[in-house]
Amino acid sequence: MTSSAARVLRRLQERGETLAVAESLTGGLVAAELTDVPGASQSFRGSVTAYATSLKRDVLGVDGALLDERGAVDPSVAEAMASGVRRVLDADWGVSTTGVAGPEPQDGKAVGTVFIAVSGPHEVRKCVELRLNGGRADIRKESVRSLLALLSGELGENARAQDTEQNGGN
């Protein structure tokens, strides 16, 4: 997976942009993947492992009413976490993971239900729902892989759009 992390960091460095991570079910695995890459500090600002729901509210700024109403495993919560970590750690991009790694369901959500989100410059926002199989370790590992792939795709799309703008629309 480190090649995905390296690709993301290389794109961020090329663009002169930074990244912050908010993790729940992955418990720091995304940050670990990123910091395994030499030179990560050029773009990676840091992470918040907001495992407890109260930290999502108190540190990342997720609306308490939203958390009370829908629980922590929700697409709007994932988006708010990504936006919140981006703001709190002063980064160009924020990403987040929230979900149920098991062994038991949580907040009425089945094991393997995961939401990953990206928040970036120019109102870029994307959230994806994953329905993952396997044990706890498999779900967490696939969540990391999927998040890095989502961010890589967003960086690629935005890089092409930016190049087109800078080159007169051609």
Protein backbone atom coordinates (compact mmCIF):
# COMPACT_ATOMS: atom_id res chain seq x y z
CA MET A 1 0.00 0.00 0.00
CA THR A 2 2.93 2.30 0.53
CA SER A 3 3.07 2.85 -3.26
CA SER A 4 -0.43 4.40 -3.08
CA ALA A 5 0.71 6.62 -0.23
CA ALA A 6 3.87 7.55 -2.15
CA ARG A 7 1.79 8.42 -5.23
CA VAL A 8 -0.54 10.65 -3.17
CA LEU A 9 2.36 12.40 -1.45
CA ARG A 10 4.19 12.93 -4.75
CA ARG A 11 1.08 14.55 -6.27
CA LEU A 12 0.63 16.77 -3.24
CA GLN A 13 4.30 17.82 -3.37
CA GLU A 14 4.05 18.59 -7.10
CA ARG A 15 1.04 20.78 -6.37
CA GLY A 16 2.59 22.42 -3.30
CA GLU A 17 -0.35 21.24 -1.17
CA THR A 18 -0.75 19.63 2.23
CA LEU A 19 -2.82 16.82 3.73
CA ALA A 20 -4.39 16.12 7.13
CA VAL A 21 -6.11 12.89 8.17
CA ALA A 22 -9.02 12.18 10.55
CA GLU A 23 -9.35 8.52 11.45
CA SER A 24 -11.82 6.53 13.45
CA LEU A 25 -12.03 2.81 12.63
CA THR A 26 -8.57 2.82 11.03
CA GLY A 27 -7.02 4.04 14.28
CA GLY A 28 -3.95 5.68 12.74
CA LEU A 29 -3.31 3.23 9.89
CA VAL A 30 -3.71 5.93 7.22
CA ALA A 31 -1.19 8.16 8.98
CA ALA A 32 1.16 5.18 9.36
CA GLU A 33 0.99 4.43 5.63
CA LEU A 34 1.76 8.05 4.79
CA THR A 35 4.62 8.39 7.26
CA ASP A 36 6.21 5.18 5.97
CA VAL A 37 7.09 7.18 2.85
CA PRO A 38 10.42 9.05 3.06
CA GLY A 39 9.86 12.78 2.74
CA ALA A 40 6.20 12.60 3.84
CA SER A 41 6.70 15.64 6.05
CA GLN A 42 6.85 17.86 2.97
CA SER A 43 3.08 17.44 2.51
CA PHE A 44 1.63 15.49 5.44
CA ARG A 45 0.60 17.89 8.23
CA GLY A 46 -0.65 15.31 10.73
CA SER A 47 -3.65 13.35 11.89
CA VAL A 48 -6.35 13.13 14.51
CA THR A 49 -7.44 9.68 15.62
CA ALA A 50 -10.93 10.52 16.82
CA TYR A 51 -11.98 7.05 17.90
CA ALA A 52 -14.39 8.35 20.53
CA THR A 53 -17.53 10.06 19.22
CA SER A 54 -16.99 12.98 21.61
CA LEU A 55 -13.64 13.73 19.90
CA LYS A 56 -15.36 13.91 16.53
CA ARG A 57 -17.51 16.65 18.03
CA ASP A 58 -15.04 18.43 20.33
CA VAL A 59 -11.85 18.28 18.25
CA LEU A 60 -13.03 18.00 14.64
CA GLY A 61 -16.16 20.13 14.98
CA VAL A 62 -18.70 17.55 13.84
CA ASP A 63 -22.17 18.80 14.78
CA GLY A 64 -23.31 17.17 18.01
CA ALA A 65 -26.93 17.05 16.84
CA LEU A 66 -25.83 15.15 13.72
CA LEU A 67 -23.91 12.65 15.84
CA ASP A 68 -26.89 12.23 18.21
CA GLU A 69 -29.31 11.75 15.34
CA ARG A 70 -27.31 9.52 12.99
CA GLY A 71 -24.40 8.15 15.01
CA ALA A 72 -20.74 8.27 14.06
CA VAL A 73 -21.04 5.92 11.08
CA ASP A 74 -22.66 8.24 8.56
CA PRO A 75 -21.65 9.95 5.30
CA SER A 76 -22.32 13.44 6.67
CA VAL A 77 -20.13 12.66 9.67
CA ALA A 78 -17.32 11.46 7.39
CA GLU A 79 -17.54 14.67 5.35
CA ALA A 80 -17.56 16.81 8.50
CA MET A 81 -14.53 14.94 9.85
CA ALA A 82 -12.58 15.54 6.61
CA SER A 83 -13.49 19.23 6.60
CA GLY A 84 -12.80 19.53 10.31
CA VAL A 85 -9.32 18.01 10.21
CA ARG A 86 -8.49 20.16 7.21
CA ARG A 87 -9.45 23.25 9.20
CA VAL A 88 -7.92 22.19 12.54
CA LEU A 89 -4.57 21.18 11.04
CA ASP A 90 -4.53 23.96 8.42
CA ALA A 91 -4.17 21.69 5.40
CA ASP A 92 -5.24 22.03 1.77
CA TRP A 93 -6.78 18.55 1.83
CA GLY A 94 -8.50 16.60 4.58
CA VAL A 95 -9.53 12.95 4.48
CA SER A 96 -11.44 10.79 6.92
CA THR A 97 -12.52 7.27 7.78
CA THR A 98 -15.46 6.22 9.94
CA GLY A 99 -17.16 2.86 10.07
CA VAL A 100 -17.68 -0.48 11.73
CA ALA A 101 -14.70 -2.84 11.74
CA GLY A 102 -16.44 -5.33 14.02
CA PRO A 103 -16.91 -7.70 15.59
CA GLU A 104 -20.34 -6.21 16.46
CA PRO A 105 -22.62 -3.78 14.58
CA GLN A 106 -22.56 -0.14 15.76
CA ASP A 107 -25.24 2.56 15.63
CA GLY A 108 -27.48 0.18 13.69
CA LYS A 109 -24.81 -0.25 10.99
CA ALA A 110 -23.53 -3.65 9.93
CA VAL A 111 -19.92 -4.74 10.30
CA GLY A 112 -18.06 -3.67 7.16
CA THR A 113 -20.03 -0.44 6.67
CA VAL A 114 -17.42 2.28 6.14
CA PHE A 115 -17.53 5.87 4.93
CA ILE A 116 -14.44 7.56 3.54
CA ALA A 117 -14.37 11.24 2.64
CA VAL A 118 -12.18 13.88 1.02
CA SER A 119 -12.37 17.63 1.51
CA GLY A 120 -10.18 19.85 -0.62
CA PRO A 121 -9.67 23.28 -2.09
CA HIS A 122 -12.25 24.86 -4.39
CA GLU A 123 -15.17 23.16 -2.58
CA VAL A 124 -14.00 19.67 -3.57
CA ARG A 125 -15.93 17.21 -1.41
CA LYS A 126 -16.49 13.54 -1.94
CA CYS A 127 -17.77 10.73 0.25
CA VAL A 128 -17.91 7.06 -0.63
CA GLU A 129 -19.70 4.26 1.18
CA LEU A 130 -17.90 0.93 1.34
CA ARG A 131 -19.47 -2.43 2.14
CA LEU A 132 -16.51 -4.56 3.11
CA ASN A 133 -16.20 -8.24 3.97
CA GLY A 134 -13.71 -10.07 6.11
CA GLY A 135 -12.42 -9.73 9.61
CA ARG A 136 -11.58 -6.59 11.51
CA ALA A 137 -8.03 -6.35 10.14
CA ASP A 138 -9.24 -6.87 6.56
CA ILE A 139 -11.89 -4.15 6.88
CA ARG A 140 -9.41 -1.66 8.33
CA LYS A 141 -6.75 -2.44 5.71
CA GLU A 142 -9.22 -2.12 2.82
CA SER A 143 -10.51 1.16 4.27
CA VAL A 144 -6.98 2.59 4.14
CA ARG A 145 -6.42 1.34 0.59
CA SER A 146 -9.76 2.73 -0.58
CA LEU A 147 -9.18 6.12 1.03
CA LEU A 148 -5.75 6.51 -0.59
CA ALA A 149 -7.24 5.50 -3.96
CA LEU A 150 -10.08 8.02 -3.55
CA LEU A 151 -7.67 10.83 -2.71
CA SER A 152 -5.34 9.84 -5.54
CA GLY A 153 -8.25 10.04 -7.96
CA GLU A 154 -9.30 13.45 -6.68
CA LEU A 155 -5.75 14.78 -6.94
CA GLY A 156 -5.46 13.43 -10.47
CA GLU A 157 -8.77 14.92 -11.62
CA ASN A 158 -8.06 18.27 -10.03
CA ALA A 159 -4.53 18.35 -11.39
CA ARG A 160 -5.88 17.88 -14.94
CA ALA A 161 -8.51 20.59 -14.44
CA GLN A 162 -5.89 22.94 -13.04
CA ASP A 163 -3.53 22.25 -15.96
CA THR A 164 -6.32 22.97 -18.43
CA GLU A 165 -7.11 26.29 -16.72
CA GLN A 166 -3.46 27.32 -16.64
CA ASN A 167 -2.96 26.43 -20.31
CA GLY A 168 -5.78 28.55 -21.65
CA GLY A 169 -8.45 25.85 -21.59
CA ASN A 170 -6.72 23.55 -24.10
